Amino acid sequence: MAGAIQDLSDKIFSLSTQAAMETFDDGALVLRLKDQRLTELNFVAQRVIELSDGKRTVGQVACELAHAFEIAETEAETLRFAQSDA
């Protein structure tokens, strides 16, 4: 079903080996090596990538963000869901 919402809370992600990230005080730049595409990240997106280390689940990343940015875990839990085109 196209556009279905799926729960990703138990999934584990990490930055691809086909990408490189350079961090700064207020964010980061990610370079996709395949096509030299550069993407600018704000500080929160930078933290998501850093916490997505191949060991933490999406749910754990959401919990870490909630504590780091002093927001309710329910707000951070929006990370747990993504739209699937499957």
C-alpha atoms as a PDB file:
ATOM      1  CA  MET A   1       0.000   0.000   0.000  1.00  0.00           C
ATOM      2  CA  ALA A   2       1.564   3.317  -1.083  1.00  0.00           C
ATOM      3  CA  GLY A   3       2.031   5.922   1.628  1.00  0.00           C
ATOM      4  CA  ALA A   4       1.561   3.468   4.508  1.00  0.00           C
ATOM      5  CA  ILE A   5       2.934   4.534   7.886  1.00  0.00           C
ATOM      6  CA  GLN A   6       5.242   2.042   9.546  1.00  0.00           C
ATOM      7  CA  ASP A   7       6.677   1.942  13.053  1.00  0.00           C
ATOM      8  CA  LEU A   8      10.464   2.140  12.925  1.00  0.00           C
ATOM      9  CA  SER A   9      11.093   2.178  16.688  1.00  0.00           C
ATOM     10  CA  ASP A  10      13.054  -1.105  16.640  1.00  0.00           C
ATOM     11  CA  LYS A  11      15.028  -0.360  13.464  1.00  0.00           C
ATOM     12  CA  ILE A  12      18.717   0.525  13.577  1.00  0.00           C
ATOM     13  CA  PHE A  13      20.322   2.960  11.147  1.00  0.00           C
ATOM     14  CA  SER A  14      23.731   4.490  10.528  1.00  0.00           C
ATOM     15  CA  LEU A  15      25.305   6.893   8.065  1.00  0.00           C
ATOM     16  CA  SER A  16      26.115   5.113   4.828  1.00  0.00           C
ATOM     17  CA  THR A  17      29.719   4.329   4.030  1.00  0.00           C
ATOM     18  CA  GLN A  18      28.952   6.132   0.778  1.00  0.00           C
ATOM     19  CA  ALA A  19      28.570   9.439   2.662  1.00  0.00           C
ATOM     20  CA  ALA A  20      30.793  11.700   4.718  1.00  0.00           C
ATOM     21  CA  MET A  21      29.750  14.207   7.364  1.00  0.00           C
ATOM     22  CA  GLU A  22      31.553  17.329   8.552  1.00  0.00           C
ATOM     23  CA  THR A  23      30.173  18.862  11.743  1.00  0.00           C
ATOM     24  CA  PHE A  24      30.101  22.485  12.864  1.00  0.00           C
ATOM     25  CA  ASP A  25      28.799  24.306  15.952  1.00  0.00           C
ATOM     26  CA  ASP A  26      25.339  24.821  14.446  1.00  0.00           C
ATOM     27  CA  GLY A  27      24.916  21.835  12.143  1.00  0.00           C
ATOM     28  CA  ALA A  28      26.697  19.724   9.580  1.00  0.00           C
ATOM     29  CA  LEU A  29      27.253  19.043   5.911  1.00  0.00           C
ATOM     30  CA  VAL A  30      26.757  15.571   4.478  1.00  0.00           C
ATOM     31  CA  LEU A  31      28.402  14.685   1.180  1.00  0.00           C
ATOM     32  CA  ARG A  32      26.943  11.766  -0.759  1.00  0.00           C
ATOM     33  CA  LEU A  33      30.023  10.378  -2.489  1.00  0.00           C
ATOM     34  CA  LYS A  34      28.218   8.664  -5.375  1.00  0.00           C
ATOM     35  CA  ASP A  35      27.058  11.888  -6.982  1.00  0.00           C
ATOM     36  CA  GLN A  36      28.871  14.544  -4.926  1.00  0.00           C
ATOM     37  CA  ARG A  37      25.533  15.803  -3.548  1.00  0.00           C
ATOM     38  CA  LEU A  38      25.956  18.079  -0.535  1.00  0.00           C
ATOM     39  CA  THR A  39      23.199  18.406   2.064  1.00  0.00           C
ATOM     40  CA  GLU A  40      23.154  20.935   4.895  1.00  0.00           C
ATOM     41  CA  LEU A  41      21.827  19.735   8.265  1.00  0.00           C
ATOM     42  CA  ASN A  42      20.662  21.800  11.206  1.00  0.00           C
ATOM     43  CA  PHE A  43      21.898  20.923  14.696  1.00  0.00           C
ATOM     44  CA  VAL A  44      18.996  18.576  15.472  1.00  0.00           C
ATOM     45  CA  ALA A  45      19.441  16.635  12.220  1.00  0.00           C
ATOM     46  CA  GLN A  46      23.171  16.444  12.973  1.00  0.00           C
ATOM     47  CA  ARG A  47      22.405  14.876  16.356  1.00  0.00           C
ATOM     48  CA  VAL A  48      20.029  12.372  14.739  1.00  0.00           C
ATOM     49  CA  ILE A  49      22.808  11.244  12.390  1.00  0.00           C
ATOM     50  CA  GLU A  50      25.390  11.115  15.189  1.00  0.00           C
ATOM     51  CA  LEU A  51      23.089   9.080  17.429  1.00  0.00           C
ATOM     52  CA  SER A  52      22.203   6.747  14.554  1.00  0.00           C
ATOM     53  CA  ASP A  53      25.441   4.870  15.056  1.00  0.00           C
ATOM     54  CA  GLY A  54      24.391   1.391  13.983  1.00  0.00           C
ATOM     55  CA  LYS A  55      23.868   0.366  17.611  1.00  0.00           C
ATOM     56  CA  ARG A  56      20.919   2.440  18.834  1.00  0.00           C
ATOM     57  CA  THR A  57      17.357   1.798  17.733  1.00  0.00           C
ATOM     58  CA  VAL A  58      15.235   4.643  16.395  1.00  0.00           C
ATOM     59  CA  GLY A  59      13.312   4.540  19.676  1.00  0.00           C
ATOM     60  CA  GLN A  60      16.536   4.980  21.647  1.00  0.00           C
ATOM     61  CA  VAL A  61      17.561   7.889  19.416  1.00  0.00           C
ATOM     62  CA  ALA A  62      14.177   9.528  20.044  1.00  0.00           C
ATOM     63  CA  CYS A  63      14.612   9.069  23.794  1.00  0.00           C
ATOM     64  CA  GLU A  64      18.121  10.579  23.702  1.00  0.00           C
ATOM     65  CA  LEU A  65      16.847  13.571  21.734  1.00  0.00           C
ATOM     66  CA  ALA A  66      13.974  14.095  24.150  1.00  0.00           C
ATOM     67  CA  HIS A  67      16.388  14.285  27.071  1.00  0.00           C
ATOM     68  CA  ALA A  68      18.995  16.391  25.239  1.00  0.00           C
ATOM     69  CA  PHE A  69      16.497  18.981  24.009  1.00  0.00           C
ATOM     70  CA  GLU A  70      14.214  18.798  27.055  1.00  0.00           C
ATOM     71  CA  ILE A  71      11.086  17.903  25.129  1.00  0.00           C
ATOM     72  CA  ALA A  72       8.412  15.354  25.883  1.00  0.00           C
ATOM     73  CA  GLU A  73       9.277  11.882  24.674  1.00  0.00           C
ATOM     74  CA  THR A  74       5.983  11.855  22.777  1.00  0.00           C
ATOM     75  CA  GLU A  75       7.277  14.760  20.646  1.00  0.00           C
ATOM     76  CA  ALA A  76      10.570  12.993  19.978  1.00  0.00           C
ATOM     77  CA  GLU A  77       8.739   9.783  19.113  1.00  0.00           C
ATOM     78  CA  THR A  78       7.688  11.256  15.775  1.00  0.00           C
ATOM     79  CA  LEU A  79      11.085   9.943  14.661  1.00  0.00           C
ATOM     80  CA  ARG A  80       9.726   6.431  15.083  1.00  0.00           C
ATOM     81  CA  PHE A  81       7.459   6.685  12.082  1.00  0.00           C
ATOM     82  CA  ALA A  82       8.201   7.059   8.394  1.00  0.00           C
ATOM     83  CA  GLN A  83       6.158   6.830   5.274  1.00  0.00           C
ATOM     84  CA  SER A  84       6.724   3.816   3.135  1.00  0.00           C
ATOM     85  CA  ASP A  85       6.089   3.639  -0.570  1.00  0.00           C
ATOM     86  CA  ALA A  86       5.789  -0.128  -0.304  1.00  0.00           C
END
